[in-house]
Amino acid sequence: MSTIKVHFRRYTCNMYLPMRIIFNEKDCTYLIITKGITKETSAIHIKLNDTEYQLLCNAKGDWDAVDATVSDHSGLLKAIGRNIKLRYQL
C-alpha cells in the first residue's frame, strides 16, 4: 500500500500592509492591522480614514463590520471584506 503526501500552502499577511480598493469610482486606501491572516482567522482589524474597524466572518463566510453605523460606509466595509477574502483566499 502506498502513501500519499499532501502539502497545503498557507498564506499569511505581514501587517500594516496598505491596500487599495476602488469603490463607487473612488480610490480608497486602508491598512490591515491583524497579523498572520489564515483560513482560520475569524476577525480582522483594519484602519480606514484614521478609524479602526473590526471585520468578523459570519456563518456564510462573508466579512461584516462590527458596530458599523450608516455614516461608517457599510458598503465600503463589505467591499473591503470581500477584497481581503479574495486576496488571502479565505
N, C-alpha and C. Protein backbone atom coordinates (compact mmCIF):
# COMPACT_ATOMS: atom_id res chain seq x y z
N MET A 1 0.84 -1.17 0.00
CA MET A 1 0.00 0.00 0.00
C MET A 1 0.89 1.25 0.00
N SER A 2 0.64 2.17 -0.90
CA SER A 2 1.44 3.38 -0.97
C SER A 2 0.77 4.51 -0.19
N THR A 3 1.59 5.47 0.22
CA THR A 3 1.05 6.62 0.95
C THR A 3 1.07 7.85 0.05
N ILE A 4 0.14 8.71 0.29
CA ILE A 4 0.05 9.95 -0.47
C ILE A 4 0.34 11.10 0.48
N LYS A 5 1.27 11.94 0.08
CA LYS A 5 1.59 13.12 0.89
C LYS A 5 0.97 14.35 0.23
N VAL A 6 0.35 15.15 1.05
CA VAL A 6 -0.29 16.36 0.55
C VAL A 6 0.30 17.55 1.29
N HIS A 7 0.64 18.57 0.56
CA HIS A 7 1.17 19.79 1.16
C HIS A 7 0.18 20.92 0.89
N PHE A 8 -0.18 21.62 1.93
CA PHE A 8 -1.09 22.75 1.80
C PHE A 8 -0.29 24.05 1.90
N ARG A 9 -0.59 24.96 1.03
CA ARG A 9 0.05 26.26 1.07
C ARG A 9 -0.76 27.16 1.98
N ARG A 10 -0.08 27.83 2.87
CA ARG A 10 -0.73 28.73 3.82
C ARG A 10 -0.28 30.15 3.51
N TYR A 11 -1.26 31.01 3.31
CA TYR A 11 -0.96 32.41 3.03
C TYR A 11 -1.04 33.20 4.33
N THR A 12 -0.03 33.98 4.60
CA THR A 12 -0.05 34.83 5.77
C THR A 12 0.17 36.27 5.34
N CYS A 13 -0.24 37.16 6.19
CA CYS A 13 -0.15 38.58 5.89
C CYS A 13 0.69 39.26 6.95
N ASN A 14 1.74 39.93 6.54
CA ASN A 14 2.54 40.72 7.48
C ASN A 14 1.94 42.12 7.55
N MET A 15 1.83 42.64 8.72
CA MET A 15 0.94 43.73 8.99
C MET A 15 1.34 45.13 8.62
N TYR A 16 0.32 45.93 8.85
CA TYR A 16 0.32 47.32 8.45
C TYR A 16 0.59 47.42 6.95
N LEU A 17 -0.02 46.52 6.24
CA LEU A 17 0.10 46.47 4.79
C LEU A 17 -0.97 47.37 4.18
N PRO A 18 -0.57 48.44 3.49
CA PRO A 18 -1.58 49.30 2.86
C PRO A 18 -2.20 48.60 1.66
N MET A 19 -3.51 48.64 1.57
CA MET A 19 -4.24 48.01 0.48
C MET A 19 -5.09 49.08 -0.19
N ARG A 20 -5.35 48.89 -1.49
CA ARG A 20 -6.17 49.84 -2.24
C ARG A 20 -7.39 49.13 -2.78
N ILE A 21 -8.48 49.89 -2.85
CA ILE A 21 -9.71 49.38 -3.44
C ILE A 21 -10.41 50.55 -4.11
N ILE A 22 -11.04 50.29 -5.24
CA ILE A 22 -11.84 51.32 -5.90
C ILE A 22 -13.30 51.01 -5.59
N PHE A 23 -13.97 51.96 -4.94
CA PHE A 23 -15.36 51.79 -4.53
C PHE A 23 -16.14 53.03 -4.94
N ASN A 24 -17.22 52.83 -5.68
CA ASN A 24 -18.02 53.95 -6.20
C ASN A 24 -17.15 54.96 -6.94
N GLU A 25 -16.27 54.44 -7.78
CA GLU A 25 -15.38 55.24 -8.61
C GLU A 25 -14.42 56.13 -7.81
N LYS A 26 -14.16 55.75 -6.56
CA LYS A 26 -13.19 56.47 -5.73
C LYS A 26 -12.11 55.50 -5.29
N ASP A 27 -10.87 55.96 -5.31
CA ASP A 27 -9.73 55.16 -4.89
C ASP A 27 -9.57 55.30 -3.37
N CYS A 28 -9.67 54.18 -2.65
CA CYS A 28 -9.57 54.20 -1.18
C CYS A 28 -8.37 53.36 -0.76
N THR A 29 -7.71 53.78 0.29
CA THR A 29 -6.59 53.03 0.86
C THR A 29 -6.91 52.71 2.31
N TYR A 30 -6.64 51.47 2.71
CA TYR A 30 -6.86 51.05 4.09
C TYR A 30 -5.66 50.22 4.53
N LEU A 31 -5.50 50.08 5.83
CA LEU A 31 -4.41 49.28 6.39
C LEU A 31 -4.98 48.05 7.07
N ILE A 32 -4.33 46.91 6.86
CA ILE A 32 -4.68 45.70 7.59
C ILE A 32 -3.80 45.68 8.83
N ILE A 33 -4.43 45.63 10.00
CA ILE A 33 -3.69 45.67 11.26
C ILE A 33 -3.46 44.27 11.82
N THR A 34 -4.36 43.34 11.54
CA THR A 34 -4.26 41.98 12.06
C THR A 34 -3.03 41.28 11.49
N LYS A 35 -2.31 40.57 12.35
CA LYS A 35 -1.12 39.83 11.93
C LYS A 35 -1.49 38.39 11.61
N GLY A 36 -0.84 37.83 10.60
CA GLY A 36 -0.95 36.41 10.29
C GLY A 36 -2.34 35.96 9.88
N ILE A 37 -2.91 36.53 8.84
CA ILE A 37 -4.24 36.14 8.37
C ILE A 37 -4.15 34.78 7.68
N THR A 38 -4.96 33.84 8.15
CA THR A 38 -5.04 32.50 7.56
C THR A 38 -6.51 32.13 7.39
N LYS A 39 -6.78 30.93 6.87
CA LYS A 39 -8.16 30.47 6.73
C LYS A 39 -8.86 30.33 8.07
N GLU A 40 -8.10 30.16 9.14
CA GLU A 40 -8.69 30.02 10.47
C GLU A 40 -9.00 31.36 11.13
N THR A 41 -8.59 32.46 10.52
CA THR A 41 -8.82 33.79 11.09
C THR A 41 -10.31 34.09 11.10
N SER A 42 -10.82 34.54 12.24
CA SER A 42 -12.26 34.85 12.35
C SER A 42 -12.52 36.34 12.52
N ALA A 43 -11.48 37.12 12.80
CA ALA A 43 -11.63 38.57 12.97
C ALA A 43 -10.42 39.27 12.36
N ILE A 44 -10.68 40.35 11.65
CA ILE A 44 -9.63 41.13 11.03
C ILE A 44 -9.82 42.59 11.43
N HIS A 45 -8.75 43.22 11.87
CA HIS A 45 -8.78 44.64 12.22
C HIS A 45 -8.17 45.44 11.08
N ILE A 46 -8.89 46.48 10.66
CA ILE A 46 -8.39 47.36 9.60
C ILE A 46 -8.47 48.81 10.07
N LYS A 47 -7.75 49.67 9.36
CA LYS A 47 -7.81 51.11 9.63
C LYS A 47 -8.18 51.79 8.33
N LEU A 48 -9.27 52.55 8.37
CA LEU A 48 -9.78 53.26 7.20
C LEU A 48 -10.07 54.70 7.62
N ASN A 49 -9.48 55.65 6.94
CA ASN A 49 -9.68 57.08 7.26
C ASN A 49 -9.42 57.37 8.74
N ASP A 50 -8.32 56.87 9.25
CA ASP A 50 -7.91 57.08 10.65
C ASP A 50 -8.89 56.52 11.67
N THR A 51 -9.75 55.60 11.27
CA THR A 51 -10.69 54.94 12.17
C THR A 51 -10.46 53.44 12.07
N GLU A 52 -10.37 52.76 13.22
CA GLU A 52 -10.18 51.32 13.22
C GLU A 52 -11.53 50.61 13.23
N TYR A 53 -11.61 49.53 12.44
CA TYR A 53 -12.81 48.72 12.36
C TYR A 53 -12.42 47.26 12.55
N GLN A 54 -13.36 46.49 13.06
CA GLN A 54 -13.16 45.05 13.19
C GLN A 54 -14.14 44.37 12.24
N LEU A 55 -13.62 43.50 11.38
CA LEU A 55 -14.45 42.71 10.48
C LEU A 55 -14.51 41.29 11.02
N LEU A 56 -15.74 40.75 11.13
CA LEU A 56 -15.93 39.38 11.61
C LEU A 56 -16.50 38.53 10.49
N CYS A 57 -16.08 37.28 10.45
CA CYS A 57 -16.59 36.33 9.46
C CYS A 57 -17.91 35.76 9.97
N ASN A 58 -18.98 35.90 9.16
CA ASN A 58 -20.28 35.36 9.58
C ASN A 58 -20.44 33.92 9.10
N ALA A 59 -21.59 33.32 9.35
CA ALA A 59 -21.83 31.91 9.03
C ALA A 59 -21.75 31.64 7.52
N LYS A 60 -22.04 32.63 6.70
CA LYS A 60 -21.99 32.47 5.24
C LYS A 60 -20.58 32.61 4.68
N GLY A 61 -19.63 33.02 5.53
CA GLY A 61 -18.26 33.23 5.08
C GLY A 61 -17.99 34.64 4.60
N ASP A 62 -18.98 35.53 4.79
CA ASP A 62 -18.80 36.94 4.43
C ASP A 62 -18.24 37.69 5.62
N TRP A 63 -17.55 38.79 5.34
CA TRP A 63 -16.94 39.61 6.39
C TRP A 63 -17.78 40.86 6.60
N ASP A 64 -18.24 41.07 7.83
CA ASP A 64 -19.06 42.22 8.18
C ASP A 64 -18.38 43.04 9.27
N ALA A 65 -18.60 44.34 9.22
CA ALA A 65 -18.03 45.23 10.24
C ALA A 65 -18.85 45.16 11.52
N VAL A 66 -18.16 45.11 12.64
CA VAL A 66 -18.80 45.11 13.95
C VAL A 66 -19.11 46.56 14.32
N ASP A 67 -20.30 46.80 14.83
CA ASP A 67 -20.71 48.14 15.30
C ASP A 67 -20.56 49.22 14.24
N ALA A 68 -20.81 48.88 12.99
CA ALA A 68 -20.75 49.89 11.93
C ALA A 68 -22.08 50.63 11.86
N THR A 69 -22.03 51.92 11.65
CA THR A 69 -23.24 52.73 11.51
C THR A 69 -23.38 53.16 10.06
N VAL A 70 -24.48 53.82 9.75
CA VAL A 70 -24.71 54.28 8.39
C VAL A 70 -23.60 55.23 7.94
N SER A 71 -23.13 56.06 8.84
CA SER A 71 -22.08 57.02 8.48
C SER A 71 -20.72 56.37 8.30
N ASP A 72 -20.60 55.09 8.66
CA ASP A 72 -19.32 54.39 8.54
C ASP A 72 -19.10 53.74 7.18
N HIS A 73 -19.96 54.01 6.21
CA HIS A 73 -19.80 53.46 4.86
C HIS A 73 -19.83 51.94 4.87
N SER A 74 -20.96 51.37 5.30
CA SER A 74 -21.05 49.91 5.43
C SER A 74 -20.81 49.20 4.10
N GLY A 75 -21.22 49.79 2.98
CA GLY A 75 -20.96 49.19 1.67
C GLY A 75 -19.48 49.09 1.38
N LEU A 76 -18.74 50.13 1.73
CA LEU A 76 -17.29 50.12 1.54
C LEU A 76 -16.64 49.07 2.44
N LEU A 77 -17.10 48.96 3.68
CA LEU A 77 -16.53 47.97 4.60
C LEU A 77 -16.80 46.55 4.12
N LYS A 78 -17.99 46.30 3.55
CA LYS A 78 -18.28 44.97 2.99
C LYS A 78 -17.38 44.69 1.78
N ALA A 79 -17.16 45.72 0.95
CA ALA A 79 -16.28 45.56 -0.21
C ALA A 79 -14.85 45.28 0.23
N ILE A 80 -14.40 45.93 1.29
CA ILE A 80 -13.07 45.67 1.83
C ILE A 80 -12.98 44.23 2.34
N GLY A 81 -14.02 43.76 3.02
CA GLY A 81 -14.05 42.37 3.49
C GLY A 81 -13.95 41.39 2.33
N ARG A 82 -14.68 41.64 1.24
CA ARG A 82 -14.60 40.77 0.06
C ARG A 82 -13.21 40.84 -0.57
N ASN A 83 -12.62 42.03 -0.59
CA ASN A 83 -11.29 42.21 -1.14
C ASN A 83 -10.25 41.39 -0.37
N ILE A 84 -10.32 41.45 0.95
CA ILE A 84 -9.40 40.68 1.79
C ILE A 84 -9.63 39.19 1.61
N LYS A 85 -10.91 38.78 1.54
CA LYS A 85 -11.25 37.36 1.36
C LYS A 85 -10.66 36.82 0.06
N LEU A 86 -10.78 37.58 -1.01
CA LEU A 86 -10.23 37.14 -2.30
C LEU A 86 -8.70 37.17 -2.30
N ARG A 87 -8.14 38.20 -1.72
CA ARG A 87 -6.67 38.36 -1.71
C ARG A 87 -5.98 37.22 -0.98
N TYR A 88 -6.53 36.84 0.18
CA TYR A 88 -5.90 35.82 1.01
C TYR A 88 -6.60 34.47 0.94
N GLN A 89 -7.50 34.29 -0.01
CA GLN A 89 -8.19 33.03 -0.25
C GLN A 89 -8.79 32.47 1.04
N LEU A 90 -9.56 33.28 1.73
CA LEU A 90 -10.17 32.87 3.00
C LEU A 90 -11.47 32.14 2.76
